[in-house]
Protein backbone atom coordinates (compact mmCIF):
# COMPACT_ATOMS: atom_id res chain seq x y z
CA MET A 1 17.07 4.37 -13.90
CA THR A 2 19.15 7.50 -13.45
CA VAL A 3 18.92 10.35 -15.90
CA LYS A 4 21.19 13.41 -15.86
CA VAL A 5 19.30 16.44 -17.09
CA LEU A 6 19.47 20.21 -17.29
CA THR A 7 16.42 22.09 -16.12
CA PRO A 8 15.61 24.97 -18.46
CA ASP A 9 13.74 27.04 -15.84
CA ASP A 10 16.50 27.43 -13.27
CA PRO A 11 20.09 28.05 -14.50
CA ASP A 12 21.45 27.61 -10.95
CA ILE A 13 20.57 23.93 -10.92
CA PHE A 14 23.07 21.91 -12.95
CA SER A 15 21.57 18.47 -12.78
CA GLU A 16 18.87 16.36 -11.23
CA ALA A 17 18.74 12.63 -10.77
CA VAL A 18 15.75 10.37 -10.55
CA ALA A 19 16.23 6.85 -9.27
CA LEU A 20 13.45 4.29 -8.94
CA ALA A 21 13.81 0.60 -8.41
CA THR A 22 11.30 -2.16 -8.92
CA SER A 23 11.36 -5.69 -10.20
CA TYR A 24 9.34 -6.87 -13.13
CA ASP A 25 8.88 -10.47 -14.20
CA LEU A 26 9.33 -10.88 -17.93
CA PRO A 27 6.88 -13.18 -19.71
CA ASN A 28 8.18 -16.72 -19.77
CA ASN A 29 5.91 -18.01 -22.51
CA THR A 30 4.57 -16.79 -25.83
CA ARG A 31 0.95 -16.86 -24.61
CA ALA A 32 1.60 -13.60 -22.77
CA LEU A 33 2.41 -11.94 -26.10
CA GLY A 34 -1.07 -12.49 -27.52
CA LEU A 35 0.16 -13.77 -30.87
CA TRP A 36 -2.90 -15.94 -31.49
CA PRO A 37 -6.52 -14.69 -31.46
CA GLN A 38 -7.53 -17.00 -28.61
CA GLU A 39 -4.62 -15.65 -26.53
CA LYS A 40 -5.37 -11.96 -27.14
CA GLU A 41 -7.87 -11.71 -24.28
CA GLU A 42 -5.42 -13.33 -21.85
CA ALA A 43 -2.62 -11.03 -23.05
CA SER A 44 -4.82 -7.93 -22.61
CA LYS A 45 -5.79 -9.05 -19.11
CA LEU A 46 -2.13 -9.59 -18.22
CA SER A 47 -1.18 -6.21 -19.70
CA ARG A 48 -3.87 -4.43 -17.64
CA ARG A 49 -2.77 -6.24 -14.48
CA GLN A 50 0.89 -5.30 -15.06
CA ARG A 51 0.08 -1.65 -15.75
CA SER A 52 -2.14 -1.53 -12.66
CA TYR A 53 0.81 -2.78 -10.64
CA VAL A 54 3.10 -0.07 -12.05
CA TYR A 55 0.45 2.61 -11.47
CA SER A 56 -0.08 1.51 -7.86
CA LYS A 57 3.67 1.73 -7.22
CA ALA A 58 3.74 5.23 -8.76
CA GLU A 59 0.78 6.24 -6.56
CA SER A 60 2.64 4.99 -3.50
CA ILE A 61 5.81 6.91 -4.41
CA LEU A 62 3.90 10.15 -5.04
CA SER A 63 1.97 9.73 -1.79
CA LYS A 64 5.24 9.36 0.13
CA PHE A 65 6.28 12.76 -1.26
CA GLY A 66 3.02 14.28 0.00
CA TYR A 67 1.11 14.41 -3.28
CA PRO A 68 -2.28 12.81 -3.94
CA GLY A 69 -0.88 9.72 -5.66
CA LYS A 70 -4.08 8.36 -7.21
CA ASP A 71 -5.16 11.70 -8.71
CA CYS A 72 -1.68 12.46 -10.03
CA VAL A 73 -1.37 9.05 -11.70
CA LEU A 74 -4.83 9.43 -13.27
CA ARG A 75 -3.94 12.93 -14.50
CA THR A 76 -0.67 11.58 -15.91
CA ILE A 77 -2.47 8.77 -17.77
CA CYS A 78 -4.96 11.30 -19.15
CA GLU A 79 -2.29 13.81 -20.24
CA GLY A 80 -0.08 11.06 -21.63
CA ALA A 81 -2.87 9.93 -23.95
CA GLN A 82 -3.13 13.50 -25.25
CA GLN A 83 0.43 14.73 -25.40
CA LEU A 84 2.76 11.82 -26.07
CA SER A 85 3.27 10.79 -29.67
CA PRO A 86 5.18 7.70 -30.82
CA ALA A 87 8.94 7.91 -31.30
CA ASP A 88 9.64 11.47 -30.11
CA ASN A 89 12.61 10.04 -28.22
CA ILE A 90 13.34 6.92 -26.18
CA LEU A 91 12.20 8.39 -22.84
CA THR A 92 8.94 9.62 -24.35
CA GLU A 93 8.34 6.26 -26.00
CA VAL A 94 8.88 4.33 -22.75
CA VAL A 95 6.54 6.65 -20.84
CA ARG A 96 3.95 6.50 -23.64
CA VAL A 97 3.96 2.69 -23.68
CA VAL A 98 3.63 2.46 -19.89
CA LEU A 99 0.76 4.96 -19.83
CA ALA A 100 -1.12 3.47 -22.80
CA PHE A 101 -3.78 1.46 -21.00
CA PRO A 102 -5.18 -1.36 -23.15
CA GLY A 103 -8.33 -0.02 -24.76
CA ASP A 104 -10.50 -3.12 -24.60
CA HIS A 105 -12.84 -3.23 -21.63
CA PRO A 106 -11.76 -5.13 -18.54
CA ALA A 107 -13.78 -8.22 -17.66
CA MET A 108 -16.27 -8.02 -14.82
CA ASP A 109 -14.03 -10.19 -12.63
CA GLU A 110 -11.11 -7.76 -12.92
CA PRO A 111 -10.49 -5.13 -10.22
CA ARG A 112 -12.50 -1.89 -10.31
CA GLU A 113 -9.22 0.07 -10.46
CA GLN A 114 -8.72 -1.05 -14.04
CA TRP A 115 -11.97 0.65 -15.05
CA VAL A 116 -10.75 3.84 -13.34
CA TYR A 117 -7.45 3.75 -15.25
CA LEU A 118 -9.27 3.03 -18.51
CA GLY A 119 -11.55 6.02 -17.83
CA ALA A 120 -8.55 8.31 -17.39
CA TYR A 121 -6.96 7.01 -20.59
CA ASN A 122 -10.20 7.42 -22.56
CA ALA A 123 -10.66 10.96 -21.17
CA GLY A 124 -7.24 11.82 -22.59
CA ILE A 125 -8.04 10.24 -25.96
CA GLN A 126 -11.26 12.30 -26.08
CA ASN A 127 -9.32 15.51 -25.25
CA TYR A 128 -10.98 16.27 -21.93
CA ASN A 129 -9.26 18.88 -19.77
CA CYS A 130 -7.19 16.61 -17.52
CA PRO A 131 -6.34 19.22 -14.84
CA ASP A 132 -10.07 19.90 -14.43
CA LEU A 133 -10.83 16.18 -14.13
CA TYR A 134 -8.12 15.66 -11.49
CA PRO A 135 -7.84 19.01 -9.64
CA ALA A 136 -6.30 17.47 -6.51
CA CYS A 137 -3.03 16.93 -8.40
CA PRO A 138 -1.15 20.25 -8.29
CA PHE A 139 1.27 19.60 -11.16
CA SER A 140 1.63 17.93 -14.54
CA LEU A 141 4.02 15.00 -14.36
CA ILE A 142 3.99 14.79 -18.17
CA GLY A 143 4.86 18.50 -18.39
CA THR A 144 7.70 18.00 -15.93
CA LEU A 145 9.07 14.97 -17.81
CA MET A 146 8.86 16.74 -21.17
CA SER A 147 10.71 19.80 -19.87
CA LEU A 148 13.78 17.72 -18.95
CA ARG A 149 16.63 17.86 -21.44
CA PRO A 150 19.13 14.99 -21.39
CA THR A 151 22.78 16.04 -21.34
CA VAL A 152 25.59 14.25 -23.07
């Protein structure tokens, strides 16, 4: 994804580009959609696993840039739950959907990381101060994303 934007804080910078690449397997059956009550648990489990995969990739990317990847992703999940509302614009909606961790509790056989992500999401829902919860992360990724203005 490449987005051309103007940064409002620095008039000397005309544009920035962000490019990330990853592959994502689309569901190949309707069971992954959770359309039937007996499939809802399986769909939630799949959704948590997929989000955990995306979060781990984001952690890795942030770590390569010298930031504490885990803390920054947790802070982003927390702030996203507080600050992103449905249908502001397409970019906001995509980010909101990716950061919205499924609210039902992970099963005991699921990785511990999923409980950590759920904790960050619930902290945001309950309006905790996300920067205080994750002080190792020096910036707000949500704040940075929301300050970008797409150009035509």
